[in-house]
Amino acid sequence: MSGQHRVEHTAFVRDNPHAVELMPIFEKAGISYGRIDYTIVDGRIQVFEINTNPTVLNDPPTPFDRYDSLPYANMHADALAQLPYANDPLSTPVIDETHFQILGRLRNKYRRRRMKLTVRKGFRSFRDAMFGAKP
């Protein structure tokens, strides 16, 4: 993205300018959490889909990343915390600790996988720079 495009993108994510118009769509569909794909046509919102199980991962950016996914991960975490039963009083410390342990193992697994992919991409970039790109 160009510098100006990145600034516009960051402002759009931060300000969420269509939130007021989008909420009634979620309410009418009976969806309390999801990611909506939409555009504006002739000044009106046109929805393509609402993904009710979106995945938002945030890993530290690598030298090859073109954007920072942290704003998306933060919005995702905030949305999950607002779901009914997110802070269920019936939850016990044992359940919470188990949940955090599982998430920690997943985080480590994805961190190792991301590191492996980053190293491979780095080697490919180096090889291509030194010897020319393979067809």
Protein backbone atom coordinates (compact mmCIF):
# COMPACT_ATOMS: atom_id res chain seq x y z
CA MET A 1 0.00 0.00 0.00
CA SER A 2 1.14 3.52 -0.63
CA GLY A 3 1.64 5.79 2.37
CA GLN A 4 -1.63 7.67 1.73
CA HIS A 5 -3.58 4.44 1.22
CA ARG A 6 -2.17 3.04 4.48
CA VAL A 7 -3.23 6.22 6.34
CA GLU A 8 -6.77 5.98 4.87
CA HIS A 9 -6.96 2.27 5.70
CA THR A 10 -5.84 2.81 9.30
CA ALA A 11 -8.37 5.63 9.76
CA PHE A 12 -11.17 3.47 8.33
CA VAL A 13 -10.36 0.58 10.70
CA ARG A 14 -10.01 2.91 13.68
CA ASP A 15 -13.15 4.99 13.03
CA ASN A 16 -15.45 2.22 11.71
CA PRO A 17 -17.49 4.84 9.79
CA HIS A 18 -20.42 2.58 8.88
CA ALA A 19 -20.99 0.97 12.29
CA VAL A 20 -24.30 2.77 12.88
CA GLU A 21 -25.71 1.60 9.51
CA LEU A 22 -24.33 -1.95 9.87
CA MET A 23 -25.66 -2.76 13.36
CA PRO A 24 -29.32 -3.00 12.25
CA ILE A 25 -28.26 -5.55 9.62
CA PHE A 26 -26.69 -7.73 12.31
CA GLU A 27 -29.74 -7.26 14.54
CA LYS A 28 -32.20 -8.16 11.78
CA ALA A 29 -30.15 -11.28 10.97
CA GLY A 30 -30.01 -12.21 14.67
CA ILE A 31 -26.20 -12.23 14.63
CA SER A 32 -24.38 -10.92 17.69
CA TYR A 33 -20.86 -11.50 16.35
CA GLY A 34 -19.39 -11.66 12.87
CA ARG A 35 -17.41 -9.96 10.14
CA ILE A 36 -19.48 -8.31 7.44
CA ASP A 37 -18.25 -7.95 3.87
CA TYR A 38 -19.92 -5.02 2.17
CA THR A 39 -19.50 -2.13 -0.23
CA ILE A 40 -21.27 1.15 -0.89
CA VAL A 41 -23.29 1.39 -4.14
CA ASP A 42 -25.11 4.62 -4.96
CA GLY A 43 -24.72 5.69 -1.34
CA ARG A 44 -26.32 2.50 0.06
CA ILE A 45 -24.68 -0.41 1.86
CA GLN A 46 -24.64 -3.63 -0.15
CA VAL A 47 -23.80 -6.72 1.92
CA PHE A 48 -22.05 -9.73 0.39
CA GLU A 49 -21.95 -11.93 3.48
CA ILE A 50 -21.61 -12.04 7.23
CA ASN A 51 -19.01 -14.52 8.40
CA THR A 52 -20.17 -15.69 11.82
CA ASN A 53 -16.87 -17.45 12.57
CA PRO A 54 -14.13 -15.08 11.41
CA THR A 55 -10.55 -15.85 12.28
CA VAL A 56 -8.36 -12.96 13.29
CA LEU A 57 -4.78 -13.76 14.20
CA ASN A 58 -2.15 -11.29 15.21
CA ASP A 59 1.44 -12.27 14.97
CA PRO A 60 4.34 -9.86 15.17
CA PRO A 61 4.92 -8.39 11.71
CA THR A 62 7.82 -9.82 9.73
CA PRO A 63 10.00 -7.93 7.28
CA PHE A 64 7.78 -9.33 4.50
CA ASP A 65 4.44 -8.14 5.86
CA ARG A 66 2.75 -5.27 4.09
CA TYR A 67 0.44 -4.25 6.93
CA ASP A 68 0.05 -4.61 10.67
CA SER A 69 -2.87 -6.81 11.72
CA LEU A 70 -2.82 -5.58 15.33
CA PRO A 71 -5.83 -3.22 14.92
CA TYR A 72 -7.91 -6.16 13.62
CA ALA A 73 -6.78 -8.43 16.44
CA ASN A 74 -7.64 -5.76 19.02
CA MET A 75 -11.13 -5.23 17.56
CA HIS A 76 -11.60 -9.01 17.49
CA ALA A 77 -10.65 -9.35 21.16
CA ASP A 78 -12.95 -6.45 22.11
CA ALA A 79 -15.85 -8.01 20.18
CA LEU A 80 -15.34 -11.39 21.85
CA ALA A 81 -15.31 -9.76 25.29
CA GLN A 82 -18.72 -8.19 24.53
CA LEU A 83 -20.42 -11.49 23.66
CA PRO A 84 -23.02 -12.86 26.05
CA TYR A 85 -21.37 -15.17 28.60
CA ALA A 86 -17.88 -13.87 27.76
CA ASN A 87 -17.45 -13.28 31.47
CA ASP A 88 -19.68 -16.09 32.67
CA PRO A 89 -19.99 -16.06 36.46
CA LEU A 90 -20.29 -19.86 36.38
CA SER A 91 -16.81 -20.20 34.91
CA THR A 92 -14.26 -21.52 37.36
CA PRO A 93 -10.55 -20.76 37.68
CA VAL A 94 -9.82 -24.33 36.52
CA ILE A 95 -11.78 -23.82 33.30
CA ASP A 96 -10.14 -20.45 32.70
CA GLU A 97 -6.64 -21.83 33.35
CA THR A 98 -7.24 -24.77 31.00
CA HIS A 99 -8.48 -22.38 28.34
CA PHE A 100 -5.38 -20.18 28.68
CA GLN A 101 -3.10 -23.24 28.52
CA ILE A 102 -4.73 -24.43 25.29
CA LEU A 103 -4.51 -20.95 23.79
CA GLY A 104 -0.84 -20.77 24.81
CA ARG A 105 -0.06 -24.05 23.06
CA LEU A 106 -1.87 -22.86 19.94
CA ARG A 107 -0.03 -19.54 20.06
CA ASN A 108 3.33 -21.37 20.25
CA LYS A 109 2.37 -23.69 17.41
CA TYR A 110 1.42 -20.79 15.14
CA ARG A 111 4.48 -18.79 16.19
CA ARG A 112 6.77 -21.69 15.17
CA ARG A 113 4.88 -22.15 11.91
CA ARG A 114 5.06 -18.44 11.13
CA MET A 115 8.81 -18.40 11.89
CA LYS A 116 9.35 -21.37 9.58
CA LEU A 117 7.40 -19.69 6.77
CA THR A 118 9.26 -16.41 7.32
CA VAL A 119 12.65 -18.14 7.13
CA ARG A 120 11.63 -19.98 3.96
CA LYS A 121 10.43 -16.77 2.36
CA GLY A 122 13.67 -15.04 3.38
CA PHE A 123 15.77 -17.80 1.83
CA ARG A 124 13.69 -17.64 -1.37
CA SER A 125 14.10 -13.86 -1.55
CA PHE A 126 17.84 -14.19 -1.00
CA ARG A 127 18.14 -16.96 -3.60
CA ASP A 128 16.11 -14.95 -6.13
CA ALA A 129 18.19 -11.84 -5.49
CA MET A 130 21.46 -13.74 -5.85
CA PHE A 131 20.63 -16.16 -8.66
CA GLY A 132 17.51 -14.81 -10.32
CA ALA A 133 13.95 -15.91 -9.76
CA LYS A 134 13.02 -19.48 -10.63
CA PRO A 135 10.28 -19.83 -13.24
